[in-house]
Amino acid sequence: MNPWTRLVGPASRAESVAILVPAVIGGALVARSTARRRGLVRGAAAAAVAVDLIGGVVAFQTSSARSRYAESTASARMLFTAAHLQPAIMPLIGEGNWPTATRRYLLSLGGSALLTRMPAARRRVAGLAVTLAAVAIERIGATGTDRWLGPVYLTKLLAGHGTLADRPVSRS
């Protein structure tokens, strides 16, 4: 298997670079900020979360990633969302708190459940509305040093994966 495919999915080298550059820059910024407050190990853990989430936000805007995941079922999409436990990592490393982490996780599950039941033709527009609403709710009472996580996490899962069509996207 091509190493690029293992890293970011079925993306070309150009798409891979477009995905990895913002992910690595975001990860480096989060690592620097977190490491100053919490040490290198916790900074590295926060950076890994940032790279995954930021890379995912960008990746889900490429036709190759959208095509790859478009054939997944509603159940698979919900499982994909449920497997994203990044909000729980942050309180474990001293960034953020459990009520905020729980709220983020439940917003991702609720928003994904709503979007998977929408007609595919309305999913992109609905995804934007659901994402904006979830981010607004998430921001209420959000405190701590992981304020970046909620908007990025919810955008990846809701505006990215949650808005996929039910069939492969044609490459133009």
N, C-alpha and C. Protein backbone atom coordinates (compact mmCIF):
# COMPACT_ATOMS: atom_id res chain seq x y z
N MET A 1 0.84 -1.19 0.00
CA MET A 1 0.00 0.00 0.00
C MET A 1 0.89 1.25 0.00
N ASN A 2 0.52 2.22 -0.78
CA ASN A 2 1.21 3.49 -0.86
C ASN A 2 1.26 4.15 0.51
N PRO A 3 2.40 4.68 0.96
CA PRO A 3 2.48 5.30 2.28
C PRO A 3 1.57 6.52 2.41
N TRP A 4 1.33 7.23 1.31
CA TRP A 4 0.42 8.37 1.37
C TRP A 4 -1.00 7.91 1.70
N THR A 5 -1.41 6.78 1.11
CA THR A 5 -2.75 6.25 1.35
C THR A 5 -2.91 5.83 2.80
N ARG A 6 -1.89 5.20 3.36
CA ARG A 6 -1.97 4.81 4.77
C ARG A 6 -2.08 6.02 5.68
N LEU A 7 -1.44 7.11 5.32
CA LEU A 7 -1.40 8.28 6.18
C LEU A 7 -2.70 9.08 6.14
N VAL A 8 -3.20 9.38 4.95
CA VAL A 8 -4.37 10.26 4.87
C VAL A 8 -5.50 9.70 4.02
N GLY A 9 -5.48 8.44 3.71
CA GLY A 9 -6.54 7.86 2.90
C GLY A 9 -6.20 7.93 1.42
N PRO A 10 -7.20 7.82 0.58
CA PRO A 10 -6.95 7.71 -0.86
C PRO A 10 -6.67 9.06 -1.52
N ALA A 11 -5.77 9.82 -0.95
CA ALA A 11 -5.46 11.15 -1.47
C ALA A 11 -4.22 11.10 -2.35
N SER A 12 -4.19 11.99 -3.31
CA SER A 12 -2.99 12.14 -4.13
C SER A 12 -1.90 12.80 -3.28
N ARG A 13 -0.70 12.86 -3.81
CA ARG A 13 0.38 13.53 -3.06
C ARG A 13 0.03 15.00 -2.83
N ALA A 14 -0.53 15.66 -3.82
CA ALA A 14 -0.89 17.08 -3.66
C ALA A 14 -1.96 17.25 -2.58
N GLU A 15 -2.97 16.37 -2.60
CA GLU A 15 -4.00 16.44 -1.56
C GLU A 15 -3.39 16.14 -0.19
N SER A 16 -2.49 15.18 -0.14
CA SER A 16 -1.85 14.83 1.12
C SER A 16 -1.10 16.01 1.71
N VAL A 17 -0.38 16.71 0.87
CA VAL A 17 0.35 17.90 1.33
C VAL A 17 -0.64 18.95 1.82
N ALA A 18 -1.72 19.15 1.07
CA ALA A 18 -2.73 20.13 1.46
C ALA A 18 -3.39 19.76 2.78
N ILE A 19 -3.46 18.49 3.09
CA ILE A 19 -4.04 18.03 4.36
C ILE A 19 -3.02 18.14 5.48
N LEU A 20 -1.81 17.69 5.21
CA LEU A 20 -0.80 17.60 6.27
C LEU A 20 -0.23 18.95 6.70
N VAL A 21 -0.11 19.90 5.79
CA VAL A 21 0.49 21.18 6.17
C VAL A 21 -0.33 21.89 7.25
N PRO A 22 -1.64 22.11 7.07
CA PRO A 22 -2.37 22.76 8.16
C PRO A 22 -2.44 21.90 9.42
N ALA A 23 -2.51 20.58 9.24
CA ALA A 23 -2.56 19.69 10.41
C ALA A 23 -1.28 19.80 11.24
N VAL A 24 -0.15 19.78 10.58
CA VAL A 24 1.13 19.86 11.29
C VAL A 24 1.33 21.24 11.92
N ILE A 25 0.96 22.29 11.19
CA ILE A 25 1.09 23.63 11.76
C ILE A 25 0.19 23.77 12.99
N GLY A 26 -1.06 23.33 12.88
CA GLY A 26 -1.97 23.39 14.03
C GLY A 26 -1.45 22.56 15.19
N GLY A 27 -0.96 21.35 14.88
CA GLY A 27 -0.42 20.50 15.92
C GLY A 27 0.78 21.12 16.62
N ALA A 28 1.63 21.78 15.84
CA ALA A 28 2.81 22.43 16.43
C ALA A 28 2.41 23.58 17.34
N LEU A 29 1.42 24.35 16.93
CA LEU A 29 0.96 25.46 17.77
C LEU A 29 0.34 24.96 19.07
N VAL A 30 -0.47 23.92 18.98
CA VAL A 30 -1.08 23.34 20.17
C VAL A 30 0.00 22.72 21.06
N ALA A 31 0.95 22.03 20.45
CA ALA A 31 2.04 21.41 21.23
C ALA A 31 2.83 22.46 21.99
N ARG A 32 3.16 23.52 21.32
CA ARG A 32 3.94 24.59 21.96
C ARG A 32 3.19 25.19 23.15
N SER A 33 1.94 25.52 22.93
CA SER A 33 1.14 26.12 23.99
C SER A 33 0.94 25.17 25.16
N THR A 34 0.59 23.92 24.87
CA THR A 34 0.34 22.94 25.93
C THR A 34 1.62 22.56 26.65
N ALA A 35 2.70 22.36 25.92
CA ALA A 35 3.97 21.95 26.54
C ALA A 35 4.47 23.02 27.50
N ARG A 36 4.25 24.27 27.19
CA ARG A 36 4.66 25.35 28.11
C ARG A 36 3.95 25.24 29.46
N ARG A 37 2.70 24.86 29.42
CA ARG A 37 1.90 24.78 30.65
C ARG A 37 1.99 23.42 31.33
N ARG A 38 2.04 22.34 30.54
CA ARG A 38 1.85 21.00 31.09
C ARG A 38 3.02 20.05 30.88
N GLY A 39 4.03 20.46 30.11
CA GLY A 39 5.18 19.60 29.86
C GLY A 39 5.12 18.96 28.49
N LEU A 40 6.25 18.36 28.11
CA LEU A 40 6.40 17.81 26.76
C LEU A 40 5.46 16.65 26.45
N VAL A 41 5.27 15.74 27.39
CA VAL A 41 4.42 14.57 27.12
C VAL A 41 2.98 15.01 26.88
N ARG A 42 2.48 15.87 27.72
CA ARG A 42 1.11 16.35 27.53
C ARG A 42 1.00 17.23 26.29
N GLY A 43 2.05 17.98 26.00
CA GLY A 43 2.05 18.77 24.77
C GLY A 43 2.00 17.89 23.55
N ALA A 44 2.73 16.78 23.59
CA ALA A 44 2.71 15.83 22.46
C ALA A 44 1.34 15.19 22.32
N ALA A 45 0.70 14.86 23.42
CA ALA A 45 -0.65 14.26 23.36
C ALA A 45 -1.65 15.25 22.76
N ALA A 46 -1.59 16.49 23.20
CA ALA A 46 -2.49 17.51 22.64
C ALA A 46 -2.20 17.75 21.16
N ALA A 47 -0.92 17.71 20.79
CA ALA A 47 -0.55 17.89 19.38
C ALA A 47 -1.11 16.76 18.52
N ALA A 48 -1.05 15.53 19.01
CA ALA A 48 -1.59 14.39 18.26
C ALA A 48 -3.08 14.57 18.02
N VAL A 49 -3.80 15.04 19.03
CA VAL A 49 -5.23 15.30 18.88
C VAL A 49 -5.45 16.38 17.82
N ALA A 50 -4.67 17.45 17.89
CA ALA A 50 -4.82 18.56 16.94
C ALA A 50 -4.52 18.12 15.52
N VAL A 51 -3.45 17.37 15.32
CA VAL A 51 -3.09 16.91 13.98
C VAL A 51 -4.21 16.05 13.40
N ASP A 52 -4.73 15.13 14.20
CA ASP A 52 -5.81 14.26 13.72
C ASP A 52 -7.05 15.07 13.35
N LEU A 53 -7.46 15.96 14.23
CA LEU A 53 -8.70 16.71 13.98
C LEU A 53 -8.56 17.71 12.85
N ILE A 54 -7.49 18.48 12.84
CA ILE A 54 -7.31 19.48 11.78
C ILE A 54 -7.12 18.78 10.44
N GLY A 55 -6.32 17.72 10.41
CA GLY A 55 -6.16 16.96 9.18
C GLY A 55 -7.48 16.39 8.69
N GLY A 56 -8.31 15.94 9.62
CA GLY A 56 -9.62 15.41 9.25
C GLY A 56 -10.55 16.44 8.67
N VAL A 57 -10.53 17.66 9.24
CA VAL A 57 -11.36 18.73 8.71
C VAL A 57 -11.00 18.99 7.25
N VAL A 58 -9.71 19.08 6.97
CA VAL A 58 -9.26 19.36 5.61
C VAL A 58 -9.52 18.15 4.70
N ALA A 59 -9.20 16.96 5.19
CA ALA A 59 -9.34 15.75 4.37
C ALA A 59 -10.77 15.55 3.89
N PHE A 60 -11.73 15.83 4.74
CA PHE A 60 -13.12 15.59 4.36
C PHE A 60 -13.63 16.59 3.33
N GLN A 61 -12.80 17.55 2.95
CA GLN A 61 -13.19 18.46 1.89
C GLN A 61 -12.61 18.03 0.54
N THR A 62 -11.81 16.97 0.53
CA THR A 62 -11.27 16.47 -0.73
C THR A 62 -12.23 15.44 -1.33
N SER A 63 -12.28 15.41 -2.62
CA SER A 63 -13.20 14.47 -3.28
C SER A 63 -12.78 13.03 -3.02
N SER A 64 -11.48 12.76 -2.89
CA SER A 64 -11.05 11.38 -2.66
C SER A 64 -11.54 10.86 -1.31
N ALA A 65 -11.43 11.67 -0.27
CA ALA A 65 -11.90 11.23 1.04
C ALA A 65 -13.42 11.13 1.07
N ARG A 66 -14.08 12.11 0.48
CA ARG A 66 -15.55 12.07 0.47
C ARG A 66 -16.04 10.84 -0.30
N SER A 67 -15.39 10.51 -1.40
CA SER A 67 -15.78 9.32 -2.17
C SER A 67 -15.56 8.05 -1.36
N ARG A 68 -14.44 7.99 -0.66
CA ARG A 68 -14.11 6.79 0.11
C ARG A 68 -15.15 6.51 1.19
N TYR A 69 -15.58 7.54 1.87
CA TYR A 69 -16.49 7.35 2.99
C TYR A 69 -17.97 7.47 2.60
N ALA A 70 -18.25 7.90 1.38
CA ALA A 70 -19.64 8.11 0.96
C ALA A 70 -20.45 6.83 0.95
N GLU A 71 -19.80 5.70 0.75
CA GLU A 71 -20.54 4.45 0.70
C GLU A 71 -20.84 3.86 2.07
N SER A 72 -20.37 4.50 3.13
CA SER A 72 -20.62 3.97 4.47
C SER A 72 -22.09 4.12 4.85
N THR A 73 -22.54 3.23 5.70
CA THR A 73 -23.93 3.24 6.16
C THR A 73 -24.09 4.24 7.30
N ALA A 74 -25.33 4.53 7.63
CA ALA A 74 -25.60 5.42 8.76
C ALA A 74 -25.01 4.83 10.04
N SER A 75 -25.10 3.52 10.20
CA SER A 75 -24.52 2.88 11.39
C SER A 75 -23.01 3.04 11.43
N ALA A 76 -22.36 2.88 10.30
CA ALA A 76 -20.90 3.04 10.24
C ALA A 76 -20.51 4.48 10.54
N ARG A 77 -21.31 5.42 10.08
CA ARG A 77 -21.02 6.83 10.35
C ARG A 77 -21.18 7.15 11.84
N MET A 78 -22.18 6.57 12.45
CA MET A 78 -22.35 6.79 13.89
C MET A 78 -21.22 6.14 14.68
N LEU A 79 -20.80 4.97 14.25
CA LEU A 79 -19.67 4.30 14.89
C LEU A 79 -18.39 5.12 14.73
N PHE A 80 -18.20 5.68 13.55
CA PHE A 80 -17.05 6.54 13.29
C PHE A 80 -17.05 7.72 14.26
N THR A 81 -18.20 8.36 14.41
CA THR A 81 -18.31 9.49 15.33
C THR A 81 -18.07 9.05 16.77
N ALA A 82 -18.70 7.95 17.16
CA ALA A 82 -18.55 7.46 18.54
C ALA A 82 -17.10 7.09 18.87
N ALA A 83 -16.35 6.68 17.87
CA ALA A 83 -14.95 6.29 18.10
C ALA A 83 -14.03 7.49 18.33
N HIS A 84 -14.50 8.68 18.05
CA HIS A 84 -13.69 9.89 18.22
C HIS A 84 -13.79 10.37 19.67
N LEU A 85 -12.89 9.87 20.48
CA LEU A 85 -12.89 10.15 21.92
C LEU A 85 -11.93 11.27 22.31
N GLN A 86 -11.52 12.08 21.35
CA GLN A 86 -10.55 13.13 21.63
C GLN A 86 -10.96 14.06 22.77
N PRO A 87 -12.25 14.40 22.93
CA PRO A 87 -12.59 15.27 24.05
C PRO A 87 -12.19 14.68 25.41
N ALA A 88 -12.19 13.35 25.52
CA ALA A 88 -11.83 12.71 26.79
C ALA A 88 -10.33 12.75 27.04
N ILE A 89 -9.54 12.90 26.00
CA ILE A 89 -8.08 12.96 26.18
C ILE A 89 -7.68 14.24 26.88
N MET A 90 -8.35 15.33 26.55
CA MET A 90 -7.93 16.63 27.06
C MET A 90 -8.00 16.73 28.59
N PRO A 91 -9.09 16.35 29.25
CA PRO A 91 -9.06 16.41 30.72
C PRO A 91 -8.03 15.46 31.32
N LEU A 92 -7.75 14.36 30.65
CA LEU A 92 -6.76 13.41 31.15
C LEU A 92 -5.35 14.02 31.19
N ILE A 93 -5.10 14.98 30.31
CA ILE A 93 -3.77 15.62 30.30
C ILE A 93 -3.80 16.99 30.96
N GLY A 94 -4.90 17.30 31.64
CA GLY A 94 -4.98 18.56 32.37
C GLY A 94 -5.46 19.74 31.56
N GLU A 95 -5.96 19.49 30.36
CA GLU A 95 -6.49 20.54 29.51
C GLU A 95 -8.01 20.36 29.44
N GLY A 96 -8.75 21.36 29.80
CA GLY A 96 -10.20 21.24 29.75
C GLY A 96 -10.75 20.51 30.96
N ASN A 97 -12.04 20.18 30.89
CA ASN A 97 -12.70 19.53 32.02
C ASN A 97 -13.72 18.52 31.51
N TRP A 98 -14.19 17.68 32.42
CA TRP A 98 -15.10 16.59 32.03
C TRP A 98 -16.47 17.07 31.57
N PRO A 99 -17.08 18.08 32.20
CA PRO A 99 -18.38 18.53 31.67
C PRO A 99 -18.29 19.04 30.24
N THR A 100 -17.24 19.78 29.92
CA THR A 100 -17.07 20.28 28.55
C THR A 100 -16.80 19.12 27.60
N ALA A 101 -15.96 18.19 28.01
CA ALA A 101 -15.66 17.02 27.17
C ALA A 101 -16.93 16.22 26.88
N THR A 102 -17.74 16.02 27.90
CA THR A 102 -18.99 15.28 27.74
C THR A 102 -19.93 16.01 26.80
N ARG A 103 -20.05 17.32 26.97
CA ARG A 103 -20.94 18.11 26.11
C ARG A 103 -20.48 18.01 24.64
N ARG A 104 -19.19 18.12 24.40
CA ARG A 104 -18.67 18.02 23.03
C ARG A 104 -18.99 16.66 22.42
N TYR A 105 -18.77 15.63 23.19
CA TYR A 105 -19.01 14.27 22.69
C TYR A 105 -20.49 14.07 22.37
N LEU A 106 -21.35 14.48 23.27
CA LEU A 106 -22.79 14.31 23.04
C LEU A 106 -23.29 15.17 21.88
N LEU A 107 -22.74 16.36 21.72
CA LEU A 107 -23.10 17.19 20.56
C LEU A 107 -22.70 16.51 19.25
N SER A 108 -21.53 15.87 19.24
CA SER A 108 -21.09 15.19 18.02
C SER A 108 -22.01 14.01 17.71
N LEU A 109 -22.38 13.26 18.72
CA LEU A 109 -23.27 12.11 18.50
C LEU A 109 -24.66 12.56 18.07
N GLY A 110 -25.21 13.55 18.76
CA GLY A 110 -26.55 14.05 18.43
C GLY A 110 -26.60 14.67 17.04
N GLY A 111 -25.61 15.49 16.73
CA GLY A 111 -25.56 16.11 15.40
C GLY A 111 -25.39 15.08 14.30
N SER A 112 -24.54 14.09 14.54
CA SER A 112 -24.34 13.04 13.54
C SER A 112 -25.60 12.22 13.34
N ALA A 113 -26.29 11.90 14.43
CA ALA A 113 -27.53 11.14 14.32
C ALA A 113 -28.56 11.91 13.48
N LEU A 114 -28.65 13.20 13.72
CA LEU A 114 -29.58 14.03 12.96
C LEU A 114 -29.19 14.06 11.47
N LEU A 115 -27.92 14.26 11.19
CA LEU A 115 -27.48 14.36 9.79
C LEU A 115 -27.58 13.05 9.04
N THR A 116 -27.34 11.93 9.70
CA THR A 116 -27.43 10.65 8.99
C THR A 116 -28.87 10.32 8.59
N ARG A 117 -29.82 10.96 9.22
CA ARG A 117 -31.23 10.70 8.90
C ARG A 117 -31.79 11.70 7.89
N MET A 118 -31.00 12.68 7.53
CA MET A 118 -31.43 13.69 6.56
C MET A 118 -31.30 13.15 5.14
N PRO A 119 -32.15 13.63 4.24
CA PRO A 119 -31.94 13.29 2.83
C PRO A 119 -30.57 13.81 2.38
N ALA A 120 -29.88 13.03 1.57
CA ALA A 120 -28.53 13.39 1.13
C ALA A 120 -28.49 14.75 0.45
N ALA A 121 -29.53 15.10 -0.28
CA ALA A 121 -29.56 16.37 -1.00
C ALA A 121 -29.53 17.57 -0.07
N ARG A 122 -29.97 17.39 1.15
CA ARG A 122 -30.02 18.50 2.11
C ARG A 122 -28.90 18.45 3.14
N ARG A 123 -28.11 17.43 3.09
CA ARG A 123 -27.13 17.18 4.14
C ARG A 123 -26.05 18.25 4.25
N ARG A 124 -25.56 18.77 3.13
CA ARG A 124 -24.49 19.78 3.19
C ARG A 124 -24.98 21.06 3.86
N VAL A 125 -26.12 21.56 3.44
CA VAL A 125 -26.65 22.78 4.02
C VAL A 125 -27.04 22.54 5.49
N ALA A 126 -27.71 21.42 5.73
CA ALA A 126 -28.08 21.09 7.10
C ALA A 126 -26.84 20.90 7.97
N GLY A 127 -25.80 20.32 7.40
CA GLY A 127 -24.56 20.12 8.14
C GLY A 127 -23.95 21.42 8.60
N LEU A 128 -24.01 22.43 7.75
CA LEU A 128 -23.50 23.74 8.14
C LEU A 128 -24.32 24.30 9.31
N ALA A 129 -25.64 24.22 9.20
CA ALA A 129 -26.50 24.73 10.28
C ALA A 129 -26.29 23.96 11.58
N VAL A 130 -26.24 22.63 11.48
CA VAL A 130 -26.04 21.80 12.67
C VAL A 130 -24.67 22.08 13.29
N THR A 131 -23.65 22.23 12.47
CA THR A 131 -22.31 22.51 12.98
C THR A 131 -22.27 23.85 13.68
N LEU A 132 -22.83 24.88 13.06
CA LEU A 132 -22.84 26.20 13.68
C LEU A 132 -23.60 26.18 15.01
N ALA A 133 -24.74 25.50 15.04
CA ALA A 133 -25.50 25.41 16.28
C ALA A 133 -24.72 24.65 17.35
N ALA A 134 -24.09 23.54 16.98
CA ALA A 134 -23.32 22.75 17.94
C ALA A 134 -22.13 23.54 18.48
N VAL A 135 -21.45 24.27 17.61
CA VAL A 135 -20.31 25.08 18.06
C VAL A 135 -20.80 26.19 18.98
N ALA A 136 -21.93 26.81 18.66
CA ALA A 136 -22.48 27.86 19.53
C ALA A 136 -22.82 27.30 20.91
N ILE A 137 -23.46 26.14 20.94
CA ILE A 137 -23.80 25.50 22.22
C ILE A 137 -22.53 25.12 22.96
N GLU A 138 -21.57 24.59 22.24
CA GLU A 138 -20.31 24.18 22.85
C GLU A 138 -19.58 25.36 23.47
N ARG A 139 -19.67 26.51 22.86
CA ARG A 139 -18.96 27.69 23.36
C ARG A 139 -19.57 28.24 24.64
N ILE A 140 -20.85 27.94 24.89
CA ILE A 140 -21.49 28.42 26.12
C ILE A 140 -20.82 27.74 27.30
N GLY A 141 -20.20 28.50 28.10
CA GLY A 141 -19.54 27.97 29.29
C GLY A 141 -18.23 27.27 29.03
N ALA A 142 -17.73 27.29 27.80
CA ALA A 142 -16.44 26.66 27.52
C ALA A 142 -15.34 27.49 28.18
N THR A 143 -14.57 26.84 28.98
CA THR A 143 -13.45 27.50 29.65
C THR A 143 -12.23 26.63 29.49
N GLY A 144 -11.15 27.11 29.96
CA GLY A 144 -9.95 26.30 29.94
C GLY A 144 -9.08 26.57 28.73
N THR A 145 -8.07 25.78 28.62
CA THR A 145 -7.04 26.00 27.62
C THR A 145 -7.28 25.20 26.35
N ASP A 146 -8.31 24.39 26.30
CA ASP A 146 -8.58 23.59 25.09
C ASP A 146 -9.75 24.16 24.30
N ARG A 147 -9.91 25.47 24.34
CA ARG A 147 -11.04 26.10 23.64
C ARG A 147 -11.02 25.85 22.14
N TRP A 148 -9.87 25.58 21.56
CA TRP A 148 -9.76 25.30 20.13
C TRP A 148 -10.42 23.96 19.78
N LEU A 149 -10.45 23.03 20.74
CA LEU A 149 -10.86 21.66 20.44
C LEU A 149 -12.32 21.56 20.00
N GLY A 150 -13.23 22.18 20.71
CA GLY A 150 -14.65 22.05 20.40
C GLY A 150 -15.01 22.40 18.96
N PRO A 151 -14.67 23.61 18.51
CA PRO A 151 -15.01 23.97 17.13
C PRO A 151 -14.35 23.06 16.09
N VAL A 152 -13.10 22.68 16.30
CA VAL A 152 -12.41 21.83 15.32
C VAL A 152 -13.00 20.42 15.34
N TYR A 153 -13.21 19.87 16.52
CA TYR A 153 -13.78 18.53 16.69
C TYR A 153 -15.16 18.44 16.04
N LEU A 154 -16.02 19.39 16.35
CA LEU A 154 -17.38 19.36 15.82
C LEU A 154 -17.41 19.62 14.31
N THR A 155 -16.53 20.48 13.83
CA THR A 155 -16.48 20.73 12.39
C THR A 155 -16.04 19.47 11.65
N LYS A 156 -15.04 18.77 12.19
CA LYS A 156 -14.59 17.54 11.53
C LYS A 156 -15.73 16.53 11.44
N LEU A 157 -16.39 16.28 12.56
CA LEU A 157 -17.39 15.22 12.59
C LEU A 157 -18.72 15.60 11.97
N LEU A 158 -19.12 16.84 12.12
CA LEU A 158 -20.44 17.23 11.61
C LEU A 158 -20.35 17.80 10.20
N ALA A 159 -19.58 18.85 10.01
CA ALA A 159 -19.50 19.46 8.67
C ALA A 159 -18.71 18.58 7.71
N GLY A 160 -17.79 17.78 8.24
CA GLY A 160 -17.00 16.89 7.39
C GLY A 160 -17.70 15.59 7.14
N HIS A 161 -17.59 14.68 8.07
CA HIS A 161 -18.12 13.33 7.88
C HIS A 161 -19.64 13.28 7.85
N GLY A 162 -20.29 14.08 8.67
CA GLY A 162 -21.76 14.03 8.76
C GLY A 162 -22.49 14.50 7.52
N THR A 163 -21.81 15.22 6.65
CA THR A 163 -22.49 15.76 5.46
C THR A 163 -22.22 14.95 4.20
N LEU A 164 -21.59 13.81 4.33
CA LEU A 164 -21.28 12.99 3.14
C LEU A 164 -22.55 12.56 2.43
N ALA A 165 -22.44 12.48 1.13
CA ALA A 165 -23.56 11.98 0.32
C ALA A 165 -23.67 10.46 0.55
N ASP A 166 -24.69 9.85 0.00
CA ASP A 166 -24.90 8.41 0.17
C ASP A 166 -24.29 7.61 -0.96
N ARG A 167 -23.59 8.24 -1.86
CA ARG A 167 -22.95 7.53 -2.96
C ARG A 167 -21.63 8.22 -3.25
N PRO A 168 -20.73 7.57 -3.97
CA PRO A 168 -19.45 8.21 -4.27
C PRO A 168 -19.63 9.53 -5.00
N VAL A 169 -18.79 10.47 -4.66
CA VAL A 169 -18.78 11.77 -5.32
C VAL A 169 -18.00 11.62 -6.61
N SER A 170 -18.55 12.14 -7.70
CA SER A 170 -17.83 12.01 -8.97
C SER A 170 -16.68 13.00 -9.01
N ARG A 171 -15.58 12.55 -9.57
CA ARG A 171 -14.41 13.42 -9.71
C ARG A 171 -14.56 14.21 -11.00
N SER A 172 -14.46 15.51 -10.87
CA SER A 172 -14.58 16.37 -12.06
C SER A 172 -13.24 16.91 -12.45
